[in-house]
Amino acid sequence: MRGLLVAAPLRVEAVLISSGARGALVRKTGMGPERAKSAAAELAVHAGSAMLVLGFCGGLDAASVPGEVIVAEEVYAAGDEGHREQRVRCDLAGELIVRLTGQGLKVRSGNVVCVSRLALGERRADLHAGGAIAVDMESVWLAAGAGGRPFGVVRVVLDSPEHELMRPQAAFGALRAAWALRRVAGALHDLTPGV
C-alpha cells in the first residue's frame, strides 16, 4: 500500500490490516459519523497519494455472507436519519476490483449506505431497497479526508440478513470476516494507485 493512506474505523480492523499489509500507513478513526467527521480533518493532512477506507460492514441482501468483499462504487448517507445529503463516488473502485478479483474471495461491487446506528432486521431491507448492497457507519464522512486524492472503499461483510450478529452462529462468521479482511489487506499491500 505504498503511497496509500488507509482509514480503519475500529482497532481490531487496524490490527488485521496492519498484519496483512506490513508497512501500510493505517489510521484508526473510530466508529460512527461523528468520529469519522473528526478523523477526516486529521486524515486530510496525512501523506499519501490516495486514501482507502478498509474495514467491516453489514450485508443488505440475501446473497450476502460473512467474509464477502464489497468494493464501493459510491458511498452515501442514509436520507432518513437527518444527515446532510451526501454522495461520494469511489474513483479507485475499478482498480480495487481488478486487484481483488481472483484472490479466492467473493467480491462484489455496488453502493454502500452509511448510517448512525447498527442496521438490523427490517432496517436492512429498507436500506437495500434504496439501492445499496452494504451498510457501514463511516465511509461517506471519512471521504473528506481524501482531500482531493483518489478515494476508495473496501468493506468485508461481518453480518447479513441471514447471519446477524446477535445469532449464536455469529462467531464463525466473525472469524471468516476477520480472515477475509486480512487477506484483502495482503492483496492490496503493494497497490500503488494509478500505476
C-alpha atoms as a PDB file:
ATOM      1  CA  MET A   1       0.000   0.000   0.000  1.00  0.00           C
ATOM      2  CA  ARG A   2       2.800   2.301  -0.954  1.00  0.00           C
ATOM      3  CA  GLY A   3       1.587   5.866  -1.010  1.00  0.00           C
ATOM      4  CA  LEU A   4      -1.844   4.784   0.223  1.00  0.00           C
ATOM      5  CA  LEU A   5      -3.399   6.136   3.409  1.00  0.00           C
ATOM      6  CA  VAL A   6      -5.739   3.540   4.979  1.00  0.00           C
ATOM      7  CA  ALA A   7      -8.554   4.555   7.335  1.00  0.00           C
ATOM      8  CA  ALA A   8      -9.798   1.743   9.593  1.00  0.00           C
ATOM      9  CA  PRO A   9     -12.711   2.593  11.909  1.00  0.00           C
ATOM     10  CA  LEU A  10     -12.020   0.034  14.667  1.00  0.00           C
ATOM     11  CA  ARG A  11      -8.855  -1.068  16.440  1.00  0.00           C
ATOM     12  CA  VAL A  12      -9.399  -4.739  15.526  1.00  0.00           C
ATOM     13  CA  GLU A  13      -9.683  -3.723  11.857  1.00  0.00           C
ATOM     14  CA  ALA A  14      -6.480  -1.660  12.064  1.00  0.00           C
ATOM     15  CA  VAL A  15      -4.608  -4.593  13.629  1.00  0.00           C
ATOM     16  CA  LEU A  16      -5.833  -7.056  10.974  1.00  0.00           C
ATOM     17  CA  ILE A  17      -4.958  -4.641   8.157  1.00  0.00           C
ATOM     18  CA  SER A  18      -1.518  -3.841   9.566  1.00  0.00           C
ATOM     19  CA  SER A  19      -0.711  -7.541   9.973  1.00  0.00           C
ATOM     20  CA  GLY A  20      -1.826  -8.296   6.407  1.00  0.00           C
ATOM     21  CA  ALA A  21      -0.142  -5.302   4.773  1.00  0.00           C
ATOM     22  CA  ARG A  22       3.027  -4.685   6.725  1.00  0.00           C
ATOM     23  CA  GLY A  23       4.301  -1.145   6.420  1.00  0.00           C
ATOM     24  CA  ALA A  24       0.928   0.318   5.397  1.00  0.00           C
ATOM     25  CA  LEU A  25       0.020   3.739   6.768  1.00  0.00           C
ATOM     26  CA  VAL A  26      -3.088   2.693   8.759  1.00  0.00           C
ATOM     27  CA  ARG A  27      -5.057   5.171  10.887  1.00  0.00           C
ATOM     28  CA  LYS A  28      -7.787   4.101  13.343  1.00  0.00           C
ATOM     29  CA  THR A  29     -10.629   6.601  13.034  1.00  0.00           C
ATOM     30  CA  GLY A  30     -13.309   5.453  15.481  1.00  0.00           C
ATOM     31  CA  MET A  31     -16.837   4.206  14.871  1.00  0.00           C
ATOM     32  CA  GLY A  32     -19.802   6.293  13.747  1.00  0.00           C
ATOM     33  CA  PRO A  33     -20.418   9.528  11.850  1.00  0.00           C
ATOM     34  CA  GLU A  34     -19.165  11.979  14.480  1.00  0.00           C
ATOM     35  CA  ARG A  35     -15.833  10.228  14.962  1.00  0.00           C
ATOM     36  CA  ALA A  36     -15.490   9.813  11.188  1.00  0.00           C
ATOM     37  CA  LYS A  37     -16.050  13.539  10.623  1.00  0.00           C
ATOM     38  CA  SER A  38     -13.419  14.393  13.248  1.00  0.00           C
ATOM     39  CA  ALA A  39     -10.951  11.891  11.805  1.00  0.00           C
ATOM     40  CA  ALA A  40     -11.432  13.229   8.261  1.00  0.00           C
ATOM     41  CA  ALA A  41      -9.805  16.543   9.199  1.00  0.00           C
ATOM     42  CA  GLU A  42      -6.745  14.703  10.525  1.00  0.00           C
ATOM     43  CA  LEU A  43      -6.589  12.347   7.531  1.00  0.00           C
ATOM     44  CA  ALA A  44      -6.619  15.281   5.106  1.00  0.00           C
ATOM     45  CA  VAL A  45      -3.173  16.417   6.313  1.00  0.00           C
ATOM     46  CA  HIS A  46      -1.538  12.951   6.268  1.00  0.00           C
ATOM     47  CA  ALA A  47       0.769  11.971   3.462  1.00  0.00           C
ATOM     48  CA  GLY A  48      -0.458   9.586   0.842  1.00  0.00           C
ATOM     49  CA  SER A  49      -1.216   9.671  -2.856  1.00  0.00           C
ATOM     50  CA  ALA A  50      -4.670   8.129  -2.293  1.00  0.00           C
ATOM     51  CA  MET A  51      -6.983   7.193   0.560  1.00  0.00           C
ATOM     52  CA  LEU A  52      -8.729   3.890   1.191  1.00  0.00           C
ATOM     53  CA  VAL A  53     -11.357   3.097   3.826  1.00  0.00           C
ATOM     54  CA  LEU A  54     -10.969  -0.547   4.772  1.00  0.00           C
ATOM     55  CA  GLY A  55     -12.927  -2.485   7.385  1.00  0.00           C
ATOM     56  CA  PHE A  56     -16.121  -4.394   8.161  1.00  0.00           C
ATOM     57  CA  CYS A  57     -19.686  -3.731   7.009  1.00  0.00           C
ATOM     58  CA  GLY A  58     -23.139  -5.253   7.095  1.00  0.00           C
ATOM     59  CA  GLY A  59     -24.513  -7.009   4.029  1.00  0.00           C
ATOM     60  CA  LEU A  60     -28.008  -5.973   2.972  1.00  0.00           C
ATOM     61  CA  ASP A  61     -29.310  -8.723   0.708  1.00  0.00           C
ATOM     62  CA  ALA A  62     -29.911 -12.462   0.995  1.00  0.00           C
ATOM     63  CA  ALA A  63     -26.899 -13.241  -1.221  1.00  0.00           C
ATOM     64  CA  SER A  64     -24.517 -11.570   1.220  1.00  0.00           C
ATOM     65  CA  VAL A  65     -22.431 -13.738   3.559  1.00  0.00           C
ATOM     66  CA  PRO A  66     -19.750 -13.060   6.190  1.00  0.00           C
ATOM     67  CA  GLY A  67     -16.348 -12.774   4.551  1.00  0.00           C
ATOM     68  CA  GLU A  68     -17.703 -11.375   1.282  1.00  0.00           C
ATOM     69  CA  VAL A  69     -15.716  -8.397  -0.028  1.00  0.00           C
ATOM     70  CA  ILE A  70     -17.611  -5.267  -1.080  1.00  0.00           C
ATOM     71  CA  VAL A  71     -15.888  -2.694  -3.272  1.00  0.00           C
ATOM     72  CA  ALA A  72     -17.903   0.515  -3.147  1.00  0.00           C
ATOM     73  CA  GLU A  73     -18.716   2.330  -6.366  1.00  0.00           C
ATOM     74  CA  GLU A  74     -20.373   5.107  -4.368  1.00  0.00           C
ATOM     75  CA  VAL A  75     -20.974   5.827  -0.675  1.00  0.00           C
ATOM     76  CA  TYR A  76     -23.853   7.934   0.623  1.00  0.00           C
ATOM     77  CA  ALA A  77     -25.553   8.950   3.850  1.00  0.00           C
ATOM     78  CA  ALA A  78     -28.934   7.403   4.667  1.00  0.00           C
ATOM     79  CA  GLY A  79     -31.539  10.020   3.822  1.00  0.00           C
ATOM     80  CA  ASP A  80     -33.914   9.194   6.676  1.00  0.00           C
ATOM     81  CA  GLU A  81     -31.577   9.935   9.584  1.00  0.00           C
ATOM     82  CA  GLY A  82     -31.304  13.704   9.267  1.00  0.00           C
ATOM     83  CA  HIS A  83     -27.853  13.654   7.646  1.00  0.00           C
ATOM     84  CA  ARG A  84     -26.950  16.210   5.020  1.00  0.00           C
ATOM     85  CA  GLU A  85     -27.449  14.779   1.508  1.00  0.00           C
ATOM     86  CA  GLN A  86     -24.028  13.498   0.554  1.00  0.00           C
ATOM     87  CA  ARG A  87     -22.875  11.088  -2.139  1.00  0.00           C
ATOM     88  CA  VAL A  88     -19.238  10.346  -2.926  1.00  0.00           C
ATOM     89  CA  ARG A  89     -18.014   8.462  -5.985  1.00  0.00           C
ATOM     90  CA  CYS A  90     -15.211   5.975  -5.267  1.00  0.00           C
ATOM     91  CA  ASP A  91     -12.759   6.561  -8.094  1.00  0.00           C
ATOM     92  CA  LEU A  92     -10.479   3.674  -7.077  1.00  0.00           C
ATOM     93  CA  ALA A  93     -13.272   1.086  -7.456  1.00  0.00           C
ATOM     94  CA  GLY A  94     -12.160  -0.279 -10.833  1.00  0.00           C
ATOM     95  CA  GLU A  95      -8.546  -0.652  -9.757  1.00  0.00           C
ATOM     96  CA  LEU A  96      -9.574  -2.323  -6.485  1.00  0.00           C
ATOM     97  CA  ILE A  97     -11.908  -4.789  -8.220  1.00  0.00           C
ATOM     98  CA  VAL A  98      -9.158  -5.830 -10.637  1.00  0.00           C
ATOM     99  CA  ARG A  99      -6.712  -6.294  -7.762  1.00  0.00           C
ATOM    100  CA  LEU A 100      -9.090  -8.296  -5.538  1.00  0.00           C
ATOM    101  CA  THR A 101     -10.748 -10.495  -8.167  1.00  0.00           C
ATOM    102  CA  GLY A 102      -9.039 -13.853  -8.413  1.00  0.00           C
ATOM    103  CA  GLN A 103      -7.820 -13.858  -4.800  1.00  0.00           C
ATOM    104  CA  GLY A 104     -10.161 -16.684  -3.788  1.00  0.00           C
ATOM    105  CA  LEU A 105     -12.591 -14.249  -2.167  1.00  0.00           C
ATOM    106  CA  LYS A 106     -16.207 -13.493  -3.049  1.00  0.00           C
ATOM    107  CA  VAL A 107     -16.031  -9.924  -4.417  1.00  0.00           C
ATOM    108  CA  ARG A 108     -18.981  -7.713  -5.372  1.00  0.00           C
ATOM    109  CA  SER A 109     -19.234  -4.033  -6.194  1.00  0.00           C
ATOM    110  CA  GLY A 110     -22.082  -1.629  -5.590  1.00  0.00           C
ATOM    111  CA  ASN A 111     -23.221   1.223  -3.381  1.00  0.00           C
ATOM    112  CA  VAL A 112     -22.620   1.433   0.371  1.00  0.00           C
ATOM    113  CA  VAL A 113     -25.066   3.389   2.537  1.00  0.00           C
ATOM    114  CA  CYS A 114     -23.797   5.000   5.739  1.00  0.00           C
ATOM    115  CA  VAL A 115     -25.896   5.164   8.918  1.00  0.00           C
ATOM    116  CA  SER A 116     -25.667   6.374  12.524  1.00  0.00           C
ATOM    117  CA  ARG A 117     -26.503   3.095  14.271  1.00  0.00           C
ATOM    118  CA  LEU A 118     -26.316  -0.630  13.543  1.00  0.00           C
ATOM    119  CA  ALA A 119     -28.779  -1.739  10.867  1.00  0.00           C
ATOM    120  CA  LEU A 120     -30.610  -4.886  11.939  1.00  0.00           C
ATOM    121  CA  GLY A 121     -33.759  -6.714  10.888  1.00  0.00           C
ATOM    122  CA  GLU A 122     -36.174  -4.754   8.694  1.00  0.00           C
ATOM    123  CA  ARG A 123     -33.790  -1.785   8.590  1.00  0.00           C
ATOM    124  CA  ARG A 124     -31.539  -3.815   6.282  1.00  0.00           C
ATOM    125  CA  ALA A 125     -34.391  -4.373   3.814  1.00  0.00           C
ATOM    126  CA  ASP A 126     -35.221  -0.651   3.826  1.00  0.00           C
ATOM    127  CA  LEU A 127     -31.609   0.314   3.105  1.00  0.00           C
ATOM    128  CA  HIS A 128     -31.292  -2.340   0.385  1.00  0.00           C
ATOM    129  CA  ALA A 129     -34.464  -1.018  -1.273  1.00  0.00           C
ATOM    130  CA  GLY A 130     -32.674   2.347  -1.522  1.00  0.00           C
ATOM    131  CA  GLY A 131     -30.059   0.822  -3.841  1.00  0.00           C
ATOM    132  CA  ALA A 132     -27.214  -0.217  -1.516  1.00  0.00           C
ATOM    133  CA  ILE A 133     -25.711  -3.692  -1.154  1.00  0.00           C
ATOM    134  CA  ALA A 134     -23.893  -2.958   2.122  1.00  0.00           C
ATOM    135  CA  VAL A 135     -24.047  -0.636   5.121  1.00  0.00           C
ATOM    136  CA  ASP A 136     -21.388   0.951   7.316  1.00  0.00           C
ATOM    137  CA  MET A 137     -21.181   3.830   9.762  1.00  0.00           C
ATOM    138  CA  GLU A 138     -18.232   5.886   8.498  1.00  0.00           C
ATOM    139  CA  SER A 139     -17.218   5.802   4.825  1.00  0.00           C
ATOM    140  CA  VAL A 140     -19.096   8.802   3.419  1.00  0.00           C
ATOM    141  CA  TRP A 141     -17.906  11.032   6.278  1.00  0.00           C
ATOM    142  CA  LEU A 142     -14.309   9.786   6.039  1.00  0.00           C
ATOM    143  CA  ALA A 143     -14.258  10.663   2.320  1.00  0.00           C
ATOM    144  CA  ALA A 144     -13.495  14.305   3.157  1.00  0.00           C
ATOM    145  CA  GLY A 145     -10.134  13.066   4.472  1.00  0.00           C
ATOM    146  CA  ALA A 146      -9.085  12.202   0.925  1.00  0.00           C
ATOM    147  CA  GLY A 147      -8.697  15.935   0.317  1.00  0.00           C
ATOM    148  CA  GLY A 148      -8.946  15.627  -3.460  1.00  0.00           C
ATOM    149  CA  ARG A 149      -6.816  12.483  -3.637  1.00  0.00           C
ATOM    150  CA  PRO A 150      -8.185   9.320  -5.265  1.00  0.00           C
ATOM    151  CA  PHE A 151     -10.611   7.629  -2.864  1.00  0.00           C
ATOM    152  CA  GLY A 152     -11.778   4.051  -2.421  1.00  0.00           C
ATOM    153  CA  VAL A 153     -13.769   1.912  -0.013  1.00  0.00           C
ATOM    154  CA  VAL A 154     -13.369  -1.828   0.520  1.00  0.00           C
ATOM    155  CA  ARG A 155     -15.513  -3.437   3.189  1.00  0.00           C
ATOM    156  CA  VAL A 156     -15.775  -7.052   4.329  1.00  0.00           C
ATOM    157  CA  VAL A 157     -19.203  -8.312   5.344  1.00  0.00           C
ATOM    158  CA  LEU A 158     -19.313  -9.108   9.056  1.00  0.00           C
ATOM    159  CA  ASP A 159     -23.016  -9.919   9.167  1.00  0.00           C
ATOM    160  CA  SER A 160     -26.000 -10.070   6.817  1.00  0.00           C
ATOM    161  CA  PRO A 161     -29.769 -10.676   6.944  1.00  0.00           C
ATOM    162  CA  GLU A 162     -29.255 -14.442   7.179  1.00  0.00           C
ATOM    163  CA  HIS A 163     -26.223 -14.162   9.506  1.00  0.00           C
ATOM    164  CA  GLU A 164     -26.977 -11.372  12.015  1.00  0.00           C
ATOM    165  CA  LEU A 165     -24.511 -10.661  14.817  1.00  0.00           C
ATOM    166  CA  MET A 166     -26.994 -11.458  17.564  1.00  0.00           C
ATOM    167  CA  ARG A 167     -27.369 -15.106  16.493  1.00  0.00           C
ATOM    168  CA  PRO A 168     -25.392 -17.985  18.059  1.00  0.00           C
ATOM    169  CA  GLN A 169     -23.521 -18.876  14.842  1.00  0.00           C
ATOM    170  CA  ALA A 170     -22.193 -15.298  14.524  1.00  0.00           C
ATOM    171  CA  ALA A 171     -18.782 -16.244  15.951  1.00  0.00           C
ATOM    172  CA  PHE A 172     -17.946 -18.368  12.905  1.00  0.00           C
ATOM    173  CA  GLY A 173     -18.976 -15.524  10.576  1.00  0.00           C
ATOM    174  CA  ALA A 174     -16.831 -13.046  12.519  1.00  0.00           C
ATOM    175  CA  LEU A 175     -13.780 -15.299  12.190  1.00  0.00           C
ATOM    176  CA  ARG A 176     -14.420 -15.705   8.475  1.00  0.00           C
ATOM    177  CA  ALA A 177     -14.739 -11.914   8.070  1.00  0.00           C
ATOM    178  CA  ALA A 178     -11.504 -11.296  10.028  1.00  0.00           C
ATOM    179  CA  TRP A 179      -9.648 -13.804   7.849  1.00  0.00           C
ATOM    180  CA  ALA A 180     -11.022 -12.139   4.684  1.00  0.00           C
ATOM    181  CA  LEU A 181     -10.087  -8.611   5.861  1.00  0.00           C
ATOM    182  CA  ARG A 182      -6.516  -9.719   6.499  1.00  0.00           C
ATOM    183  CA  ARG A 183      -6.390 -11.361   3.048  1.00  0.00           C
ATOM    184  CA  VAL A 184      -7.736  -8.184   1.422  1.00  0.00           C
ATOM    185  CA  ALA A 185      -5.019  -6.142   3.135  1.00  0.00           C
ATOM    186  CA  GLY A 186      -2.405  -8.616   1.925  1.00  0.00           C
ATOM    187  CA  ALA A 187      -3.731  -8.461  -1.645  1.00  0.00           C
ATOM    188  CA  LEU A 188      -3.521  -4.676  -1.572  1.00  0.00           C
ATOM    189  CA  HIS A 189      -0.161  -4.414   0.206  1.00  0.00           C
ATOM    190  CA  ASP A 190       1.753  -3.376  -2.911  1.00  0.00           C
ATOM    191  CA  LEU A 191      -1.024  -1.344  -4.536  1.00  0.00           C
ATOM    192  CA  THR A 192       0.173   1.963  -5.892  1.00  0.00           C
ATOM    193  CA  PRO A 193      -2.966   3.732  -7.177  1.00  0.00           C
ATOM    194  CA  GLY A 194      -2.743   4.994 -10.729  1.00  0.00           C
ATOM    195  CA  VAL A 195       0.319   2.887 -11.579  1.00  0.00           C
END
